[in-house]
Amino acid sequence: MSETDSWLAFTVIGAGVTTVGSLIAMGIKEFFATAYLEKFKARQSASAVYRKFRDPISLSAQELCSRLREILIDDHSFLDLDVLNIPAGTARYNTADDPQYRLYKFHSTLYRFCSLFGWFELYRQELTFLDAGNNKQNAEFDTARAGIRSALADGHITPHDDWEDWEDRLILREEQRAIGEMMFADKRTDRRIVSYGEFVERFFISQIGGANRWFEIAKDFFGNYGQKEKDFRTDRLWLLLVHLLKMLEATNSALVTERLTNVKQQALEEIRKRGLIPDLA
């Protein structure tokens, strides 16, 4: 083979290697570009889901915080289970002792509590197949949400040696999801939570026509609260209140009123005094 032929052969081989290398590089670039784009789109979709549910979840959390503050600090007598036996009617006496007002307070407590888990479950179902990414706000929200679930589901959360003598109620994690599903207006088409009126009608029907298991779990968690001195539910409610406020601070700090800020400090003091989780500040 002549020197010219050798040079041509090397030129052809070099061109082939360059072409193959370019094709491989383009393929790798296309692969990573596509993967990055898909991940970016998934994160954008996750952010859209978060924005969609942020306001209803925040408002539900604020309403529940206000009621928990009232239960823990002001008055919880309306949670006596006998209140639910009061026939529905119209409030007449314009006082906190009015039977209809007490019935309303029990119903609305259950509604605020169950609604929060309804919004949580709608959020979870839409987010299941999406990559939420490392968004700080999403992470803070999910951490607080996990704390809320833990406050209701975890056993032996306090250091008392005589815990067998204490009153307590648990709502396990899948039961929390079931309570949330119970609050859907329509599981197939209407992705919203039932109104207060719809909730009370469902609750009333369940009480006279065969108990709904998930209504009963929610009702029993609050029912007759505070009638015993040794009641773990007080610890759970303080923890729940702190995690709800942390979630509000992460999602919509404008809803954290001065009153709620003050009660958070009181809740943290109670948690430390009771020997509960120390790192919630």
Protein backbone atom coordinates (compact mmCIF):
# COMPACT_ATOMS: atom_id res chain seq x y z
CA MET A 1 0.00 0.00 0.00
CA SER A 2 1.34 3.39 -1.02
CA GLU A 3 1.86 6.24 1.37
CA THR A 4 -1.09 8.05 -0.23
CA ASP A 5 -3.37 5.03 0.26
CA SER A 6 -2.30 4.71 3.90
CA TRP A 7 -3.00 8.36 4.50
CA LEU A 8 -6.46 8.02 2.91
CA ALA A 9 -7.22 4.94 5.04
CA PHE A 10 -6.27 6.73 8.23
CA THR A 11 -8.33 9.72 7.13
CA VAL A 12 -11.40 7.53 6.57
CA ILE A 13 -10.91 5.75 9.92
CA GLY A 14 -10.43 9.06 11.68
CA ALA A 15 -13.56 10.47 10.09
CA GLY A 16 -15.49 7.36 11.09
CA VAL A 17 -14.27 7.53 14.67
CA THR A 18 -15.12 11.22 14.82
CA THR A 19 -18.59 10.58 13.41
CA VAL A 20 -19.27 7.72 15.83
CA GLY A 21 -17.97 9.81 18.72
CA SER A 22 -20.17 12.70 17.70
CA LEU A 23 -23.19 10.43 17.45
CA ILE A 24 -22.50 8.92 20.89
CA ALA A 25 -22.00 12.38 22.38
CA MET A 26 -25.24 13.57 20.80
CA GLY A 27 -27.06 10.50 22.11
CA ILE A 28 -25.73 11.00 25.63
CA LYS A 29 -26.57 14.68 25.49
CA GLU A 30 -30.07 13.92 24.21
CA PHE A 31 -30.58 11.28 26.91
CA PHE A 32 -29.55 13.55 29.76
CA ALA A 33 -31.41 16.51 28.28
CA THR A 34 -34.58 14.42 28.02
CA ALA A 35 -34.14 13.05 31.54
CA TYR A 36 -33.54 16.54 32.91
CA LEU A 37 -36.57 17.89 31.06
CA GLU A 38 -38.81 15.10 32.38
CA LYS A 39 -37.57 15.66 35.92
CA PHE A 40 -38.08 19.41 35.56
CA LYS A 41 -41.62 18.88 34.28
CA ALA A 42 -42.39 16.50 37.15
CA ARG A 43 -41.14 19.03 39.67
CA GLN A 44 -43.14 21.78 38.03
CA SER A 45 -46.23 19.57 38.23
CA ALA A 46 -45.50 18.84 41.90
CA SER A 47 -45.16 22.56 42.57
CA ALA A 48 -48.48 23.16 40.82
CA VAL A 49 -50.15 20.54 43.05
CA TYR A 50 -48.62 22.17 46.12
CA ARG A 51 -49.88 25.61 45.06
CA LYS A 52 -53.34 24.17 44.33
CA PHE A 53 -53.75 22.73 47.82
CA ARG A 54 -51.72 25.23 49.84
CA ASP A 55 -54.59 27.63 50.55
CA PRO A 56 -57.33 25.12 51.51
CA ILE A 57 -54.86 23.17 53.69
CA SER A 58 -53.60 26.38 55.31
CA LEU A 59 -57.11 27.62 56.05
CA SER A 60 -58.13 24.25 57.49
CA ALA A 61 -55.00 24.21 59.64
CA GLN A 62 -55.67 27.73 60.92
CA GLU A 63 -59.27 26.89 61.84
CA LEU A 64 -58.20 23.72 63.63
CA CYS A 65 -55.42 25.60 65.47
CA SER A 66 -57.96 28.10 66.79
CA ARG A 67 -60.23 25.31 68.01
CA LEU A 68 -57.37 23.36 69.62
CA ARG A 69 -56.28 26.50 71.44
CA GLU A 70 -59.80 26.87 72.77
CA ILE A 71 -59.97 23.23 73.86
CA LEU A 72 -56.58 23.27 75.59
CA ILE A 73 -56.79 26.70 77.25
CA ASP A 74 -60.37 27.96 77.48
CA ASP A 75 -63.08 25.30 77.52
CA HIS A 76 -63.62 21.73 76.36
CA SER A 77 -66.92 20.90 78.07
CA PHE A 78 -68.71 20.80 74.71
CA LEU A 79 -66.76 17.60 73.91
CA ASP A 80 -68.87 15.61 76.37
CA LEU A 81 -70.35 12.75 74.32
CA ASP A 82 -73.77 13.42 75.82
CA VAL A 83 -73.81 16.65 73.81
CA LEU A 84 -74.33 14.57 70.67
CA ASN A 85 -77.66 13.38 72.05
CA ILE A 86 -79.08 16.93 71.97
CA PRO A 87 -81.81 17.15 69.29
CA ALA A 88 -80.91 19.51 66.46
CA GLY A 89 -82.54 22.90 66.69
CA THR A 90 -81.82 26.61 66.92
CA ALA A 91 -79.64 28.32 69.51
CA ARG A 92 -81.89 30.45 71.76
CA TYR A 93 -79.93 31.73 74.73
CA ASN A 94 -76.90 33.46 73.18
CA THR A 95 -74.53 31.90 75.72
CA ALA A 96 -71.76 29.29 75.65
CA ASP A 97 -74.04 27.02 77.68
CA ASP A 98 -76.77 26.97 75.03
CA PRO A 99 -77.34 23.27 74.13
CA GLN A 100 -77.45 23.99 70.40
CA TYR A 101 -74.25 26.01 70.60
CA ARG A 102 -72.50 23.16 72.40
CA LEU A 103 -73.76 20.71 69.77
CA TYR A 104 -72.47 23.02 67.04
CA LYS A 105 -69.06 23.23 68.74
CA PHE A 106 -68.71 19.43 68.84
CA HIS A 107 -69.81 19.07 65.22
CA SER A 108 -67.56 21.88 64.00
CA THR A 109 -64.57 20.47 65.91
CA LEU A 110 -65.00 17.17 64.12
CA TYR A 111 -65.50 18.96 60.80
CA ARG A 112 -62.32 21.03 61.13
CA PHE A 113 -60.33 17.97 62.18
CA CYS A 114 -61.63 15.66 59.44
CA SER A 115 -61.43 18.34 56.73
CA LEU A 116 -57.71 18.76 57.26
CA PHE A 117 -57.16 15.06 56.58
CA GLY A 118 -59.47 15.29 53.58
CA TRP A 119 -57.27 17.96 52.01
CA PHE A 120 -54.15 16.00 53.00
CA GLU A 121 -55.46 12.93 51.20
CA LEU A 122 -56.44 14.82 48.05
CA TYR A 123 -52.97 16.37 48.02
CA ARG A 124 -51.29 12.99 48.55
CA GLN A 125 -53.26 11.29 45.78
CA GLU A 126 -52.37 13.95 43.21
CA LEU A 127 -48.70 13.99 44.28
CA THR A 128 -48.14 10.23 44.41
CA PHE A 129 -46.48 9.82 40.99
CA LEU A 130 -44.67 13.15 40.90
CA ASP A 131 -41.16 14.11 41.98
CA ALA A 132 -41.49 16.90 44.53
CA GLY A 133 -37.78 17.65 44.27
CA ASN A 134 -35.80 19.50 46.91
CA ASN A 135 -38.00 22.57 47.20
CA LYS A 136 -37.44 23.91 50.74
CA GLN A 137 -41.05 24.99 51.20
CA ASN A 138 -42.36 21.61 50.07
CA ALA A 139 -39.91 19.90 52.44
CA GLU A 140 -40.98 22.02 55.42
CA PHE A 141 -44.63 21.34 54.63
CA ASP A 142 -44.06 17.59 54.36
CA THR A 143 -42.06 17.54 57.61
CA ALA A 144 -44.88 19.30 59.46
CA ARG A 145 -47.46 17.00 57.86
CA ALA A 146 -45.47 13.99 59.05
CA GLY A 147 -45.37 15.50 62.54
CA ILE A 148 -49.15 15.90 62.54
CA ARG A 149 -49.62 12.27 61.57
CA SER A 150 -47.11 11.18 64.21
CA ALA A 151 -48.79 13.17 67.00
CA LEU A 152 -51.96 11.15 66.47
CA ALA A 153 -50.55 7.73 65.60
CA ASP A 154 -47.45 7.08 67.70
CA GLY A 155 -47.72 5.16 70.96
CA HIS A 156 -45.86 5.84 74.21
CA ILE A 157 -45.00 9.41 73.27
CA THR A 158 -44.52 10.45 76.90
CA PRO A 159 -42.03 9.25 79.52
CA HIS A 160 -44.61 8.38 82.20
CA ASP A 161 -43.86 5.09 83.95
CA ASP A 162 -47.54 4.47 84.68
CA TRP A 163 -48.75 4.94 81.11
CA GLU A 164 -51.13 1.97 81.46
CA ASP A 165 -53.21 4.10 83.84
CA TRP A 166 -53.65 6.92 81.37
CA GLU A 167 -56.55 7.61 79.02
CA ASP A 168 -55.52 7.70 75.37
CA ARG A 169 -56.77 7.46 71.79
CA LEU A 170 -54.77 6.72 68.65
CA ILE A 171 -55.63 7.43 65.04
CA LEU A 172 -53.25 5.31 63.01
CA ARG A 173 -51.78 6.59 59.76
CA GLU A 174 -53.95 4.61 57.36
CA GLU A 175 -56.98 5.47 59.50
CA GLN A 176 -56.11 9.14 59.04
CA ARG A 177 -56.15 8.56 55.29
CA ALA A 178 -59.51 6.79 55.55
CA ILE A 179 -60.95 9.74 57.48
CA GLY A 180 -59.66 11.97 54.69
CA GLU A 181 -61.30 9.85 51.99
CA MET A 182 -64.56 9.95 53.95
CA MET A 183 -64.55 13.73 53.51
CA PHE A 184 -64.45 13.67 49.70
CA ALA A 185 -67.52 15.16 48.07
CA ASP A 186 -67.26 12.55 45.29
CA LYS A 187 -64.37 10.09 45.01
CA ARG A 188 -64.61 9.92 41.21
CA THR A 189 -65.24 13.41 39.88
CA ASP A 190 -65.59 16.13 42.52
CA ARG A 191 -62.15 16.71 44.01
CA ARG A 192 -63.22 18.78 46.97
CA ILE A 193 -64.12 18.39 50.62
CA VAL A 194 -67.75 18.31 51.71
CA SER A 195 -69.21 21.47 53.18
CA TYR A 196 -70.04 21.77 56.87
CA GLY A 197 -73.72 21.21 56.12
CA GLU A 198 -73.01 18.06 54.12
CA PHE A 199 -70.71 16.80 56.85
CA VAL A 200 -73.30 17.25 59.61
CA GLU A 201 -75.93 15.47 57.49
CA ARG A 202 -73.58 12.54 56.91
CA PHE A 203 -72.64 12.43 60.58
CA PHE A 204 -76.28 12.57 61.69
CA ILE A 205 -77.24 9.75 59.32
CA SER A 206 -74.33 7.64 60.57
CA GLN A 207 -75.46 8.11 64.18
CA ILE A 208 -79.05 6.96 63.59
CA GLY A 209 -78.60 4.48 60.79
CA GLY A 210 -75.47 2.53 61.65
CA ALA A 211 -72.17 4.01 62.72
CA ASN A 212 -69.59 4.96 60.12
CA ARG A 213 -66.31 3.50 61.39
CA TRP A 214 -64.21 6.52 60.43
CA PHE A 215 -66.66 9.01 61.93
CA GLU A 216 -66.54 6.96 65.13
CA ILE A 217 -62.73 7.05 65.29
CA ALA A 218 -62.69 10.82 64.92
CA LYS A 219 -65.55 11.24 67.41
CA ASP A 220 -63.90 8.98 69.98
CA PHE A 221 -60.62 10.86 69.72
CA PHE A 222 -62.32 14.01 71.04
CA GLY A 223 -65.23 12.51 72.97
CA ASN A 224 -65.21 13.09 76.74
CA TYR A 225 -61.81 14.74 76.48
CA GLY A 226 -60.50 16.21 79.74
CA GLN A 227 -62.69 14.20 82.10
CA LYS A 228 -59.66 12.37 83.48
CA GLU A 229 -56.52 14.00 84.82
CA LYS A 230 -54.27 11.40 83.24
CA ASP A 231 -55.12 11.78 79.56
CA PHE A 232 -52.45 11.37 76.88
CA ARG A 233 -54.72 13.20 74.45
CA THR A 234 -53.63 16.46 76.05
CA ASP A 235 -50.04 15.69 75.03
CA ARG A 236 -51.20 14.75 71.55
CA LEU A 237 -53.21 17.95 71.14
CA TRP A 238 -50.28 20.15 72.21
CA LEU A 239 -48.02 18.33 69.74
CA LEU A 240 -50.67 18.57 67.04
CA LEU A 241 -51.03 22.30 67.65
CA VAL A 242 -47.28 22.93 67.31
CA HIS A 243 -46.97 20.91 64.09
CA LEU A 244 -50.01 22.67 62.61
CA LEU A 245 -48.46 26.06 63.38
CA LYS A 246 -45.13 25.00 61.87
CA MET A 247 -46.98 23.97 58.73
CA LEU A 248 -48.79 27.32 58.64
CA GLU A 249 -45.49 29.15 58.99
CA ALA A 250 -44.11 27.19 56.03
CA THR A 251 -47.15 27.56 53.76
CA ASN A 252 -48.90 30.82 54.61
CA SER A 253 -47.35 32.76 57.47
CA ALA A 254 -49.92 35.56 57.01
CA LEU A 255 -52.47 33.26 58.69
CA VAL A 256 -50.36 32.97 61.84
CA THR A 257 -51.98 35.64 63.99
CA GLU A 258 -50.39 37.16 67.08
CA ARG A 259 -52.73 35.05 69.18
CA LEU A 260 -51.52 31.86 67.49
CA THR A 261 -47.88 32.93 67.80
CA ASN A 262 -48.38 33.35 71.53
CA VAL A 263 -50.10 30.00 71.89
CA LYS A 264 -47.22 28.31 70.03
CA GLN A 265 -44.82 29.51 72.73
CA GLN A 266 -47.16 28.15 75.37
CA ALA A 267 -47.42 24.86 73.49
CA LEU A 268 -43.64 24.53 73.29
CA GLU A 269 -43.37 25.15 77.02
CA GLU A 270 -46.00 22.47 77.66
CA ILE A 271 -44.18 20.01 75.40
CA ARG A 272 -40.87 20.55 77.21
CA LYS A 273 -42.54 20.36 80.62
CA ARG A 274 -44.17 17.05 79.71
CA GLY A 275 -40.91 15.59 78.41
CA LEU A 276 -42.12 15.29 74.82
CA ILE A 277 -40.08 15.87 71.66
CA PRO A 278 -37.60 18.66 72.57
CA ASP A 279 -36.55 19.95 69.15
CA LEU A 280 -39.73 21.60 67.86
CA ALA A 281 -38.82 25.28 68.29
